[in-house]
Amino acid sequence: MGTSPGRGSLRPPKVAYFSMEVALSESIPTFSGGLGVLAGDTLRSAADLGVPMVGVTLLYRKGYFQQELDARGVQIEHAVSWAPEDYLDLLDPIATVTIEGRPVNLRCWRYDIVGVGGHIVPVYLLDASVKTNSEFDQTLTDHLYGGDEHYRLCQELILGVGGVEMLSKIGHHDIETYHMNEGHSALLALRLVERRLAKQDNRFPSSEDIAEIRRHCVFTTHTPVPAGHDEFSGNLVRQVLGLNRSTLLFSTGFTGHDRLNMTHLALHHSNYVNGVAMKHGEVSRLMFPNYRVKALTNGVHAATWTASSVQELYDREIPEWRHDNVYLRYAINIELSEIRRAHQEAKIKLLQAVEAETGERLDPQVFTIGFARRATGYKRAPMFMSDPARIREIVERSGALQVIYGGKAHPRDDGGKANIRKIFEAAGKLRDAVKIVYIPNYEWRWGRLITGGVDLWLNTPIKTREASGTSGMKCALNGVPSLSTLDGWWIEGHVEGLTGWSIDDDNGSEAEEIASMYDKLEKVILPLYYKDPDGYATVMRSSMALNGSFFNTQRMLLQYIFNAYATTARV
């Protein structure tokens, strides 16, 4: 078992990392956005560091969805088709969970993540598509974030309870820490309570029992608004879990109401709880004043999200970076001309892919803005398009620009879908002045291309609504600075004019934010790009050295080891 750099005496415990979605590879559609990418990047860093960790998630035979956009920007969803046997190994063990009083059998597929030094982190994907199950039960692991509340609770029961059972069936009897990546898997705590009570022949847990369960659980919350936390009625819980199990669940003291809030369940049974950025930690402490919520800022897996041309540059200049991401700090010594060359190569690769996908030919000499992420309301994708006349002024006064958009709206998110249509409408009005493309079906491949190839990353979330955000971190690894509202990770990564620029709002109004965004583009960013290439490349280099070296999952995972997993570590 590997040890962490600089802390050779601390060995992390065996960790089981539970997540509703995990981004394993471009070909495996078991994720929808940032939560899954974070989970995959965490497990990849665990493999790189030699951390004894396993991942647990669901298989999702029909994935999330394929996005098609018509000429007006109307989103059309199509089912995903893939063959798990082409990418995963089917294991022999069968685990069983009880749903509505009937046994539901689960099988398990394995995917191995191999680290830079050869260490393997296995990921187990639970699959209810077993012939002995009813036709409905076989569909329970088909869709990511699909179905109604009943379907969702069944899935979360499979993930939490079924996941714990499957680990035992596989032979993982040495798990010391259960890390819940968001509240979807919180029912694992119920299964741990049941196991403890079975050894004591007790019906209900004591405070000492709950304290012992807490000692083994870590919970990371990602949602800064109350409405984003899964909650189920007591009647539905009793229907799905059964009377005895639901009675035990509500006896553990995590709620005073006849409702199951998955976040509160996870909070109540965890010894270490954290938000995913410093500001998000503050917001979470206000949301959950009865719990000690720490802050541990997210990161991204450096080697996964760095463009190939930039990887080659790092390999030449700072070859240690793959094993130890802190070495990216020395990117500050790379020649500016080399940074420009590597970036231009990534940019050309992006623009070639855009032309192949959309037929639109973008100019590699024109300043290119990227905005690609989930098309949900609080991220305000149409904000840049708020004033087409002002955009025309900026182009006339400060130089040409082009914009690349991407992002899916959840099938039930009418507001997100409307935002996509707004972008298409505004793009039509600006067609003669600014080229604007919207990449359909934004996923892994496009995430890597866009964050590596644009010249500026635009980020406009409503303040306090962005728990962390990670796309801008990917950009930093590639030397792409951000222009963003001060929220999530950017509060920590922003140094004005050095790593990027802030969108300001002294009085908290959107109108002020829009004016600030346009003014900085016109008066600061575009003039720097076109008139002082070395000046712009200096900002790019600072983004690599200051933000790339810190906002990565290697640093993040080491912080989890030192702060969260340390309660069960053997020193």
Protein backbone atom coordinates (compact mmCIF):
# COMPACT_ATOMS: atom_id res chain seq x y z
CA MET A 1 0.00 0.00 0.00
CA GLY A 2 1.38 3.38 -1.00
CA THR A 3 2.02 6.29 1.28
CA SER A 4 1.28 9.91 0.64
CA PRO A 5 4.05 12.29 -0.45
CA GLY A 6 5.72 13.96 2.50
CA ARG A 7 3.64 12.07 5.08
CA GLY A 8 5.20 8.64 4.94
CA SER A 9 3.97 7.58 8.39
CA LEU A 10 0.28 8.04 7.60
CA ARG A 11 -1.42 5.12 5.89
CA PRO A 12 -5.02 5.74 4.80
CA PRO A 13 -7.68 3.19 5.71
CA LYS A 14 -9.50 1.01 3.19
CA VAL A 15 -12.09 3.38 1.75
CA ALA A 16 -15.31 2.58 -0.12
CA TYR A 17 -16.34 5.58 -2.21
CA PHE A 18 -20.06 5.63 -3.07
CA SER A 19 -21.42 7.89 -5.80
CA MET A 20 -24.65 7.92 -7.80
CA GLU A 21 -22.62 8.68 -10.92
CA VAL A 22 -18.99 8.09 -11.87
CA ALA A 23 -17.19 9.21 -15.04
CA LEU A 24 -15.00 6.20 -15.82
CA SER A 25 -14.26 6.74 -19.50
CA GLU A 26 -15.62 8.49 -22.57
CA SER A 27 -17.29 5.24 -23.69
CA ILE A 28 -19.13 4.41 -20.44
CA PRO A 29 -22.24 6.62 -19.98
CA THR A 30 -22.53 6.38 -16.19
CA PHE A 31 -22.38 10.12 -15.47
CA SER A 32 -24.19 13.33 -16.36
CA GLY A 33 -22.01 16.16 -15.11
CA GLY A 34 -19.68 17.52 -12.48
CA LEU A 35 -20.63 15.13 -9.66
CA GLY A 36 -19.70 12.11 -11.76
CA VAL A 37 -16.56 13.72 -13.13
CA LEU A 38 -15.43 14.54 -9.59
CA ALA A 39 -16.07 10.94 -8.52
CA GLY A 40 -14.08 9.55 -11.43
CA ASP A 41 -11.25 12.01 -10.92
CA THR A 42 -11.11 11.16 -7.20
CA LEU A 43 -10.78 7.46 -7.97
CA ARG A 44 -8.16 8.15 -10.65
CA SER A 45 -6.09 10.11 -8.14
CA ALA A 46 -6.52 7.30 -5.61
CA ALA A 47 -5.01 4.95 -8.17
CA ASP A 48 -2.14 7.37 -8.84
CA LEU A 49 -1.39 7.76 -5.13
CA GLY A 50 -1.75 4.07 -4.29
CA VAL A 51 -4.64 4.71 -1.91
CA PRO A 52 -6.55 1.52 -0.98
CA MET A 53 -9.96 2.58 -2.26
CA VAL A 54 -12.85 0.98 -4.12
CA GLY A 55 -15.70 2.73 -5.93
CA VAL A 56 -19.39 1.80 -5.88
CA THR A 57 -22.03 3.06 -8.30
CA LEU A 58 -24.86 1.82 -10.56
CA LEU A 59 -24.53 0.45 -14.08
CA TYR A 60 -27.11 2.56 -16.01
CA ARG A 61 -27.69 0.38 -19.05
CA LYS A 62 -29.47 3.26 -20.76
CA GLY A 63 -27.17 5.98 -19.44
CA TYR A 64 -28.29 9.59 -19.15
CA PHE A 65 -29.36 10.66 -22.66
CA GLN A 66 -28.05 11.70 -26.04
CA GLN A 67 -28.81 15.33 -26.84
CA GLU A 68 -29.94 16.51 -30.27
CA LEU A 69 -30.55 20.20 -30.98
CA ASP A 70 -32.66 21.40 -33.89
CA ALA A 71 -32.10 24.64 -35.81
CA ARG A 72 -33.94 26.66 -33.12
CA GLY A 73 -32.10 25.10 -30.20
CA VAL A 74 -34.93 22.80 -29.17
CA GLN A 75 -33.47 19.88 -27.22
CA ILE A 76 -34.48 16.38 -28.27
CA GLU A 77 -33.48 13.48 -26.01
CA HIS A 78 -32.50 10.06 -27.31
CA ALA A 79 -31.79 6.88 -25.37
CA VAL A 80 -28.19 5.79 -24.95
CA SER A 81 -27.17 2.36 -26.16
CA TRP A 82 -23.99 0.65 -24.98
CA ALA A 83 -22.72 -2.83 -24.20
CA PRO A 84 -21.28 -3.17 -20.66
CA GLU A 85 -19.51 -6.40 -21.61
CA ASP A 86 -17.30 -4.45 -24.02
CA TYR A 87 -15.77 -2.40 -21.19
CA LEU A 88 -16.45 -4.19 -17.90
CA ASP A 89 -15.93 -7.58 -16.30
CA LEU A 90 -19.00 -9.36 -14.92
CA LEU A 91 -18.38 -10.85 -11.48
CA ASP A 92 -19.99 -13.98 -10.04
CA PRO A 93 -21.41 -12.78 -6.70
CA ILE A 94 -25.09 -11.92 -6.40
CA ALA A 95 -26.31 -9.58 -3.66
CA THR A 96 -29.95 -9.24 -2.67
CA VAL A 97 -31.89 -6.24 -1.42
CA THR A 98 -35.52 -6.19 -0.32
CA ILE A 99 -37.75 -3.69 -2.12
CA GLU A 100 -41.45 -3.51 -1.24
CA GLY A 101 -41.13 -6.87 0.50
CA ARG A 102 -39.70 -8.74 -2.47
CA PRO A 103 -36.10 -9.80 -3.05
CA VAL A 104 -34.29 -7.99 -5.85
CA ASN A 105 -31.09 -9.68 -6.98
CA LEU A 106 -28.12 -7.59 -8.05
CA ARG A 107 -25.12 -8.58 -10.06
CA CYS A 108 -21.92 -6.60 -10.31
CA TRP A 109 -19.57 -5.42 -13.03
CA ARG A 110 -15.98 -4.36 -12.37
CA TYR A 111 -13.93 -1.62 -13.98
CA ASP A 112 -10.26 -1.22 -13.02
CA ILE A 113 -8.66 2.22 -12.83
CA VAL A 114 -4.89 1.86 -13.19
CA GLY A 115 -2.77 4.59 -11.65
CA VAL A 116 0.40 6.15 -12.96
CA GLY A 117 2.45 3.72 -10.86
CA GLY A 118 0.35 0.65 -11.64
CA HIS A 119 -1.88 0.63 -8.53
CA ILE A 120 -5.44 -0.54 -9.28
CA VAL A 121 -8.63 0.96 -7.87
CA PRO A 122 -11.60 -1.28 -8.72
CA VAL A 123 -15.00 0.28 -9.35
CA TYR A 124 -18.10 -1.87 -8.87
CA LEU A 125 -21.24 -1.12 -10.88
CA LEU A 126 -24.46 -2.66 -9.53
CA ASP A 127 -26.88 -4.12 -12.08
CA ALA A 128 -30.50 -5.17 -11.41
CA SER A 129 -30.92 -6.64 -14.90
CA VAL A 130 -31.12 -10.19 -13.57
CA LYS A 131 -33.59 -12.68 -15.06
CA THR A 132 -34.91 -13.75 -11.66
CA ASN A 133 -36.14 -10.18 -11.04
CA SER A 134 -39.49 -8.86 -12.22
CA GLU A 135 -39.60 -6.86 -15.44
CA PHE A 136 -39.89 -3.61 -13.48
CA ASP A 137 -37.09 -4.47 -11.06
CA GLN A 138 -34.77 -5.20 -13.96
CA THR A 139 -35.14 -1.56 -15.06
CA LEU A 140 -34.11 -0.08 -11.70
CA THR A 141 -30.51 0.43 -12.77
CA ASP A 142 -31.31 1.51 -16.34
CA HIS A 143 -31.53 5.29 -16.16
CA LEU A 144 -29.36 7.89 -14.45
CA TYR A 145 -31.61 10.51 -12.82
CA GLY A 146 -34.64 9.06 -14.57
CA GLY A 147 -38.12 8.14 -13.39
CA ASP A 148 -40.19 9.44 -10.49
CA GLU A 149 -39.56 9.61 -6.72
CA HIS A 150 -40.42 5.94 -6.31
CA TYR A 151 -37.87 4.92 -8.94
CA ARG A 152 -35.28 7.23 -7.39
CA LEU A 153 -35.74 5.84 -3.88
CA CYS A 154 -35.44 2.29 -5.20
CA GLN A 155 -32.19 3.25 -6.92
CA GLU A 156 -30.81 4.87 -3.78
CA LEU A 157 -31.71 1.79 -1.75
CA ILE A 158 -29.83 -0.35 -4.27
CA LEU A 159 -26.81 1.96 -4.16
CA GLY A 160 -26.59 2.31 -0.38
CA VAL A 161 -27.82 -0.99 1.03
CA GLY A 162 -27.04 -3.06 -2.05
CA GLY A 163 -23.59 -1.52 -2.34
CA VAL A 164 -22.62 -2.49 1.21
CA GLU A 165 -23.95 -6.01 0.65
CA MET A 166 -22.10 -6.40 -2.65
CA LEU A 167 -18.78 -5.36 -1.14
CA SER A 168 -19.17 -8.16 1.40
CA LYS A 169 -20.13 -10.68 -1.27
CA ILE A 170 -17.04 -9.73 -3.31
CA GLY A 171 -14.84 -10.18 -0.25
CA HIS A 172 -14.15 -6.62 0.88
CA HIS A 173 -14.49 -7.24 4.61
CA ASP A 174 -11.81 -4.71 5.55
CA ILE A 175 -13.61 -1.47 4.67
CA GLU A 176 -12.88 1.09 7.38
CA THR A 177 -14.35 4.23 5.83
CA TYR A 178 -17.50 4.72 3.76
CA HIS A 179 -17.35 7.98 1.81
CA MET A 180 -20.73 9.22 0.55
CA ASN A 181 -20.28 11.54 -2.43
CA GLU A 182 -23.57 13.45 -2.04
CA GLY A 183 -26.57 12.03 -0.16
CA HIS A 184 -27.82 9.49 -2.70
CA SER A 185 -25.99 6.62 -1.00
CA ALA A 186 -26.91 7.59 2.58
CA LEU A 187 -28.96 4.43 3.15
CA LEU A 188 -25.63 2.64 3.50
CA ALA A 189 -25.67 3.99 7.06
CA LEU A 190 -28.92 2.11 7.69
CA ARG A 191 -27.30 -1.13 6.57
CA LEU A 192 -24.30 -0.50 8.82
CA VAL A 193 -26.68 0.06 11.75
CA GLU A 194 -28.53 -3.18 10.94
CA ARG A 195 -25.30 -5.14 10.88
CA ARG A 196 -24.21 -3.76 14.23
CA LEU A 197 -27.57 -4.50 15.84
CA ALA A 198 -27.54 -8.05 14.47
CA LYS A 199 -24.34 -8.74 16.41
CA GLN A 200 -25.97 -7.47 19.62
CA ASP A 201 -29.44 -8.93 19.10
CA ASN A 202 -30.85 -5.43 19.69
CA ARG A 203 -33.86 -3.97 17.89
CA PHE A 204 -32.95 -0.29 18.01
CA PRO A 205 -29.58 1.49 18.14
CA SER A 206 -28.20 3.26 21.18
CA SER A 207 -26.32 6.55 21.02
CA GLU A 208 -23.12 4.51 21.30
CA ASP A 209 -24.15 2.48 18.25
CA ILE A 210 -24.73 5.62 16.18
CA ALA A 211 -21.41 7.05 17.37
CA GLU A 212 -19.61 3.92 16.18
CA ILE A 213 -21.28 4.10 12.75
CA ARG A 214 -20.28 7.76 12.49
CA ARG A 215 -16.67 6.86 13.11
CA HIS A 216 -16.65 5.04 9.78
CA CYS A 217 -18.59 7.49 7.60
CA VAL A 218 -17.60 10.58 5.61
CA PHE A 219 -20.11 12.76 3.78
CA THR A 220 -19.45 15.32 1.05
CA THR A 221 -22.36 17.63 0.23
CA HIS A 222 -22.43 19.42 -3.12
CA THR A 223 -25.76 21.22 -3.13
CA PRO A 224 -26.01 24.81 -1.81
CA VAL A 225 -29.81 25.11 -2.01
CA PRO A 226 -32.37 23.20 0.13
CA ALA A 227 -34.48 22.19 -2.89
CA GLY A 228 -31.58 20.24 -4.34
CA HIS A 229 -31.53 17.61 -1.60
CA ASP A 230 -33.44 14.36 -2.13
CA GLU A 231 -36.42 13.99 0.19
CA PHE A 232 -39.06 11.26 0.30
CA SER A 233 -42.37 10.99 2.16
CA GLY A 234 -42.72 8.62 5.08
CA ASN A 235 -45.40 6.66 3.23
CA LEU A 236 -43.12 6.10 0.24
CA VAL A 237 -40.26 5.08 2.55
CA ARG A 238 -42.48 2.53 4.31
CA GLN A 239 -43.70 1.22 0.95
CA VAL A 240 -40.22 0.74 -0.49
CA LEU A 241 -38.19 -0.17 2.60
CA GLY A 242 -40.91 -2.04 4.48
CA LEU A 243 -42.35 -1.29 7.91
CA ASN A 244 -39.60 -2.84 10.04
CA ARG A 245 -36.70 -1.28 8.16
CA SER A 246 -38.35 2.15 7.93
CA THR A 247 -39.17 2.05 11.66
CA LEU A 248 -35.50 1.37 12.38
CA LEU A 249 -34.48 4.14 9.99
CA PHE A 250 -36.62 6.77 11.68
CA SER A 251 -35.49 5.57 15.13
CA THR A 252 -31.90 6.67 14.51
CA GLY A 253 -32.79 10.28 15.36
CA PHE A 254 -31.79 12.08 12.17
CA THR A 255 -35.16 13.77 11.67
CA GLY A 256 -38.14 14.87 13.68
CA HIS A 257 -40.54 14.59 10.76
CA ASP A 258 -42.13 11.74 8.85
CA ARG A 259 -39.87 12.33 5.85
CA LEU A 260 -36.58 10.89 4.68
CA ASN A 261 -34.11 13.63 3.77
CA MET A 262 -31.05 11.88 2.38
CA THR A 263 -28.74 14.75 3.25
CA HIS A 264 -29.87 14.78 6.88
CA LEU A 265 -29.48 11.00 7.02
CA ALA A 266 -25.89 11.30 5.78
CA LEU A 267 -25.13 14.23 8.10
CA HIS A 268 -26.43 12.41 11.16
CA HIS A 269 -24.32 9.31 10.53
CA SER A 270 -21.02 10.92 9.52
CA ASN A 271 -18.02 11.86 11.60
CA TYR A 272 -16.62 14.17 8.93
CA VAL A 273 -18.82 16.37 6.74
CA ASN A 274 -17.57 18.83 4.16
CA GLY A 275 -18.67 21.24 1.51
CA VAL A 276 -16.67 21.41 -1.71
CA ALA A 277 -15.22 24.94 -1.56
CA MET A 278 -14.52 27.43 1.23
CA LYS A 279 -17.60 29.54 0.43
CA HIS A 280 -19.75 26.46 0.05
CA GLY A 281 -18.64 25.36 3.51
CA GLU A 282 -19.97 28.67 4.89
CA VAL A 283 -23.25 28.27 3.01
CA SER A 284 -23.62 24.67 4.21
CA ARG A 285 -23.03 25.63 7.83
CA LEU A 286 -25.92 28.09 7.56
CA MET A 287 -28.10 25.41 5.98
CA PHE A 288 -27.20 22.77 8.58
CA PRO A 289 -26.43 24.69 11.81
CA ASN A 290 -26.65 21.56 13.96
CA TYR A 291 -23.70 19.90 12.25
CA ARG A 292 -20.00 20.65 11.97
CA VAL A 293 -19.47 21.16 8.27
CA LYS A 294 -15.91 21.62 7.09
CA ALA A 295 -14.75 22.86 3.70
CA LEU A 296 -12.47 20.93 1.37
CA THR A 297 -12.21 22.34 -2.12
CA ASN A 298 -12.70 20.14 -5.17
CA GLY A 299 -10.14 19.45 -7.86
CA VAL A 300 -9.78 17.68 -11.19
CA HIS A 301 -7.50 14.85 -12.32
CA ALA A 302 -4.63 16.68 -13.96
CA ALA A 303 -3.55 14.10 -16.54
CA THR A 304 -7.12 13.41 -17.66
CA TRP A 305 -8.09 17.00 -18.43
CA THR A 306 -4.83 18.45 -19.75
CA ALA A 307 -4.66 18.72 -23.55
CA SER A 308 -2.12 16.42 -25.20
CA SER A 309 0.00 19.33 -26.45
CA VAL A 310 0.16 20.82 -22.95
CA GLN A 311 0.92 17.40 -21.46
CA GLU A 312 3.89 17.13 -23.83
CA LEU A 313 5.05 20.56 -22.68
CA TYR A 314 4.80 19.56 -19.02
CA ASP A 315 6.56 16.26 -19.71
CA ARG A 316 9.52 18.15 -21.17
CA GLU A 317 9.71 20.99 -18.66
CA ILE A 318 8.47 19.44 -15.38
CA PRO A 319 8.41 15.63 -15.86
CA GLU A 320 7.56 15.00 -12.19
CA TRP A 321 4.06 16.51 -12.60
CA ARG A 322 2.27 13.22 -13.31
CA HIS A 323 3.36 11.67 -10.00
CA ASP A 324 3.19 14.87 -7.97
CA ASN A 325 0.90 17.64 -9.19
CA VAL A 326 2.54 20.17 -6.88
CA TYR A 327 5.35 20.31 -9.43
CA LEU A 328 2.97 22.18 -11.73
CA ARG A 329 3.92 25.18 -9.60
CA TYR A 330 7.11 25.29 -11.65
CA ALA A 331 5.15 26.01 -14.81
CA ILE A 332 5.89 29.61 -13.83
CA ASN A 333 9.34 29.10 -15.39
CA ILE A 334 8.14 27.86 -18.79
CA GLU A 335 8.89 30.16 -21.72
CA LEU A 336 5.86 32.17 -22.83
CA SER A 337 6.42 31.21 -26.45
CA GLU A 338 6.19 27.53 -25.52
CA ILE A 339 2.92 28.11 -23.69
CA ARG A 340 1.47 29.95 -26.67
CA ARG A 341 2.59 27.20 -29.03
CA ALA A 342 1.10 24.37 -26.95
CA HIS A 343 -2.15 26.27 -26.50
CA GLN A 344 -2.47 27.11 -30.19
CA GLU A 345 -2.08 23.44 -31.02
CA ALA A 346 -4.93 22.59 -28.63
CA LYS A 347 -7.02 25.42 -30.07
CA ILE A 348 -6.61 24.23 -33.65
CA LYS A 349 -7.57 20.71 -32.59
CA LEU A 350 -10.74 22.09 -30.96
CA LEU A 351 -11.72 24.19 -33.95
CA GLN A 352 -11.19 21.27 -36.32
CA ALA A 353 -13.52 19.17 -34.16
CA VAL A 354 -16.10 21.99 -34.12
CA GLU A 355 -16.07 22.18 -37.91
CA ALA A 356 -16.42 18.41 -38.23
CA GLU A 357 -19.38 18.42 -35.82
CA THR A 358 -21.25 21.56 -36.86
CA GLY A 359 -19.91 22.61 -40.24
CA GLU A 360 -18.92 26.00 -38.77
CA ARG A 361 -15.36 27.08 -39.53
CA LEU A 362 -13.93 29.18 -36.70
CA ASP A 363 -10.75 31.22 -37.07
CA PRO A 364 -7.78 30.07 -34.94
CA GLN A 365 -6.49 33.66 -34.85
CA VAL A 366 -9.72 34.99 -33.30
CA PHE A 367 -10.20 35.27 -29.53
CA THR A 368 -12.39 32.33 -28.51
CA ILE A 369 -14.63 32.20 -25.44
CA GLY A 370 -15.90 28.92 -24.00
CA PHE A 371 -19.05 28.31 -21.96
CA ALA A 372 -19.92 24.63 -21.53
CA ARG A 373 -21.63 23.01 -18.55
CA ARG A 374 -25.02 21.70 -17.44
CA ALA A 375 -27.73 23.92 -18.90
CA THR A 376 -29.43 24.69 -15.63
CA GLY A 377 -30.93 28.04 -14.69
CA TYR A 378 -28.55 29.29 -12.00
CA LYS A 379 -25.54 29.00 -14.33
CA ARG A 380 -27.12 31.70 -16.55
CA ALA A 381 -25.77 30.55 -19.90
CA PRO A 382 -27.60 33.30 -21.88
CA MET A 383 -26.14 36.12 -19.77
CA PHE A 384 -23.34 36.85 -22.21
CA MET A 385 -25.96 37.36 -24.93
CA SER A 386 -27.98 39.86 -22.90
CA ASP A 387 -27.11 42.87 -25.08
CA PRO A 388 -26.28 42.02 -28.71
CA ALA A 389 -25.72 45.70 -29.53
CA ARG A 390 -23.12 45.97 -26.76
CA ILE A 391 -21.35 42.87 -28.08
CA ARG A 392 -21.16 44.49 -31.51
CA GLU A 393 -19.57 47.57 -29.92
CA ILE A 394 -16.98 45.43 -28.16
CA VAL A 395 -16.01 43.68 -31.38
CA GLU A 396 -15.76 46.97 -33.29
CA ARG A 397 -13.66 48.66 -30.61
CA SER A 398 -11.46 45.87 -29.27
CA GLY A 399 -11.28 43.03 -31.77
CA ALA A 400 -13.04 39.96 -33.07
CA LEU A 401 -14.36 37.19 -30.85
CA GLN A 402 -16.15 33.88 -31.27
CA VAL A 403 -18.00 31.75 -28.72
CA ILE A 404 -18.35 28.01 -28.22
CA TYR A 405 -21.26 26.79 -26.08
CA GLY A 406 -22.17 23.32 -24.88
CA GLY A 407 -24.35 21.67 -22.26
CA LYS A 408 -27.38 19.46 -21.71
CA ALA A 409 -30.57 20.44 -19.89
CA HIS A 410 -32.17 17.75 -17.74
CA PRO A 411 -35.18 16.32 -19.62
CA ARG A 412 -37.53 17.83 -17.00
CA ASP A 413 -35.73 21.20 -16.76
CA ASP A 414 -37.87 23.46 -18.93
CA GLY A 415 -35.94 26.53 -17.80
CA GLY A 416 -32.64 25.02 -18.87
CA LYS A 417 -34.09 24.08 -22.24
CA ALA A 418 -35.39 27.63 -22.67
CA ASN A 419 -31.89 28.98 -22.01
CA ILE A 420 -30.49 26.90 -24.86
CA ARG A 421 -33.13 28.31 -27.19
CA LYS A 422 -32.27 31.85 -26.06
CA ILE A 423 -28.64 31.30 -27.03
CA PHE A 424 -29.66 30.09 -30.49
CA GLU A 425 -31.92 33.11 -30.92
CA ALA A 426 -29.21 35.58 -29.89
CA ALA A 427 -26.64 33.81 -32.06
CA GLY A 428 -28.89 34.38 -35.05
CA LYS A 429 -29.04 38.11 -34.34
CA LEU A 430 -25.25 38.33 -34.11
CA ARG A 431 -24.44 36.06 -37.02
CA ASP A 432 -22.89 38.83 -39.13
CA ALA A 433 -20.64 40.05 -36.29
CA VAL A 434 -19.78 37.11 -34.02
CA LYS A 435 -19.61 33.39 -34.76
CA ILE A 436 -21.40 31.43 -32.05
CA VAL A 437 -21.68 27.64 -32.05
CA TYR A 438 -23.50 25.34 -29.66
CA ILE A 439 -22.00 21.85 -29.49
CA PRO A 440 -24.73 19.18 -29.14
CA ASN A 441 -24.35 16.29 -26.71
CA TYR A 442 -21.62 17.90 -24.60
CA GLU A 443 -19.78 15.14 -22.74
CA TRP A 444 -16.29 13.86 -21.86
CA ARG A 445 -14.59 14.35 -25.24
CA TRP A 446 -15.97 17.83 -25.75
CA GLY A 447 -15.22 18.77 -22.16
CA ARG A 448 -11.56 17.99 -22.75
CA LEU A 449 -11.43 19.73 -26.13
CA ILE A 450 -13.20 22.93 -25.09
CA THR A 451 -11.49 23.47 -21.73
CA GLY A 452 -8.15 22.89 -23.44
CA GLY A 453 -8.66 24.93 -26.59
CA VAL A 454 -10.53 28.15 -25.86
CA ASP A 455 -8.76 31.40 -24.93
CA LEU A 456 -11.08 32.39 -22.08
CA TRP A 457 -13.48 30.46 -19.86
CA LEU A 458 -16.71 32.30 -19.06
CA ASN A 459 -18.59 31.38 -15.89
CA THR A 460 -21.69 33.24 -14.72
CA PRO A 461 -23.40 31.39 -11.83
CA ILE A 462 -25.69 33.23 -9.43
CA LYS A 463 -23.61 33.86 -6.33
CA THR A 464 -23.80 31.20 -3.57
CA ARG A 465 -25.48 28.80 -6.01
CA GLU A 466 -22.24 27.30 -7.38
CA ALA A 467 -20.97 24.86 -4.77
CA SER A 468 -17.60 24.57 -6.46
CA GLY A 469 -17.51 24.15 -10.22
CA THR A 470 -14.62 22.28 -11.79
CA SER A 471 -14.57 23.24 -15.48
CA GLY A 472 -12.50 26.33 -14.76
CA MET A 473 -9.99 24.12 -12.94
CA LYS A 474 -9.58 22.03 -16.10
CA CYS A 475 -9.00 25.25 -18.00
CA ALA A 476 -6.31 26.37 -15.56
CA LEU A 477 -4.34 23.18 -16.18
CA ASN A 478 -4.36 24.15 -19.86
CA GLY A 479 -3.42 27.76 -19.25
CA VAL A 480 -6.91 29.07 -19.99
CA PRO A 481 -7.88 31.93 -17.64
CA SER A 482 -11.42 32.52 -16.38
CA LEU A 483 -13.79 35.46 -16.41
CA SER A 484 -16.29 34.58 -13.71
CA THR A 485 -18.58 35.75 -10.97
CA LEU A 486 -16.91 35.28 -7.60
CA ASP A 487 -18.49 32.04 -6.47
CA GLY A 488 -17.46 28.46 -5.81
CA TRP A 489 -13.82 27.65 -6.38
CA TRP A 490 -13.13 30.93 -8.22
CA ILE A 491 -13.22 32.88 -4.95
CA GLU A 492 -10.06 30.95 -4.03
CA GLY A 493 -8.46 30.72 -7.48
CA HIS A 494 -9.03 34.31 -8.61
CA VAL A 495 -6.19 36.82 -8.56
CA GLU A 496 -7.32 39.76 -10.68
CA GLY A 497 -5.25 40.10 -13.82
CA LEU A 498 -2.97 37.24 -12.80
CA THR A 499 -5.10 34.06 -13.03
CA GLY A 500 -8.08 35.67 -14.73
CA TRP A 501 -10.76 38.26 -14.02
CA SER A 502 -13.83 38.64 -11.85
CA ILE A 503 -17.30 39.75 -12.87
CA ASP A 504 -18.11 42.42 -10.31
CA ASP A 505 -21.39 43.54 -8.75
CA ASP A 506 -21.04 46.04 -5.92
CA ASN A 507 -24.80 46.10 -5.28
CA GLY A 508 -25.56 42.51 -6.20
CA SER A 509 -27.54 43.24 -9.35
CA GLU A 510 -27.39 41.24 -12.57
CA ALA A 511 -27.29 44.45 -14.57
CA GLU A 512 -24.04 45.38 -12.81
CA GLU A 513 -22.61 41.94 -13.52
CA ILE A 514 -23.44 42.22 -17.21
CA ALA A 515 -21.87 45.68 -17.42
CA SER A 516 -18.73 44.45 -15.63
CA MET A 517 -18.44 41.43 -17.92
CA TYR A 518 -18.69 43.53 -21.06
CA ASP A 519 -16.38 46.27 -19.75
CA LYS A 520 -13.61 43.86 -18.81
CA LEU A 521 -13.82 42.16 -22.18
CA GLU A 522 -13.68 45.46 -24.04
CA LYS A 523 -11.15 47.39 -21.96
CA VAL A 524 -8.90 44.74 -20.42
CA ILE A 525 -9.07 41.23 -21.85
CA LEU A 526 -9.36 41.74 -25.61
CA PRO A 527 -6.74 44.54 -25.71
CA LEU A 528 -4.35 42.35 -23.73
CA TYR A 529 -4.91 39.40 -26.05
CA TYR A 530 -4.50 41.29 -29.32
CA LYS A 531 -2.00 44.01 -28.38
CA ASP A 532 0.18 42.27 -25.78
CA PRO A 533 0.46 38.52 -26.54
CA ASP A 534 3.18 38.07 -23.92
CA GLY A 535 0.98 39.78 -21.36
CA TYR A 536 -1.88 37.40 -22.08
CA ALA A 537 0.47 34.42 -22.07
CA THR A 538 1.71 35.54 -18.65
CA VAL A 539 -1.85 35.23 -17.32
CA MET A 540 -2.06 31.80 -18.93
CA ARG A 541 1.18 30.72 -17.29
CA SER A 542 0.08 32.01 -13.89
CA SER A 543 -3.16 30.02 -14.21
CA MET A 544 -1.14 26.86 -14.79
CA ALA A 545 1.30 27.45 -11.95
CA LEU A 546 -0.99 28.87 -9.28
CA ASN A 547 -4.30 27.13 -9.98
CA GLY A 548 -3.24 24.00 -11.86
CA SER A 549 -0.89 23.02 -9.06
CA PHE A 550 -3.58 23.33 -6.37
CA PHE A 551 -7.03 22.67 -7.82
CA ASN A 552 -6.46 19.00 -8.60
CA THR A 553 -7.82 15.81 -7.06
CA GLN A 554 -4.37 14.67 -5.95
CA ARG A 555 -4.21 17.56 -3.47
CA MET A 556 -7.89 17.11 -2.66
CA LEU A 557 -7.57 13.40 -1.90
CA LEU A 558 -4.54 13.94 0.30
CA GLN A 559 -6.61 16.45 2.27
CA TYR A 560 -9.35 13.84 2.68
CA ILE A 561 -6.74 11.38 3.92
CA PHE A 562 -5.30 13.83 6.46
CA ASN A 563 -8.60 15.32 7.62
CA ALA A 564 -11.48 12.93 6.93
CA TYR A 565 -10.08 9.41 6.74
CA ALA A 566 -7.55 9.98 9.52
CA THR A 567 -10.07 8.95 12.20
CA THR A 568 -9.62 5.33 11.12
CA ALA A 569 -6.07 5.56 9.77
CA ARG A 570 -3.34 3.43 11.26
CA VAL A 571 -0.31 5.53 12.18
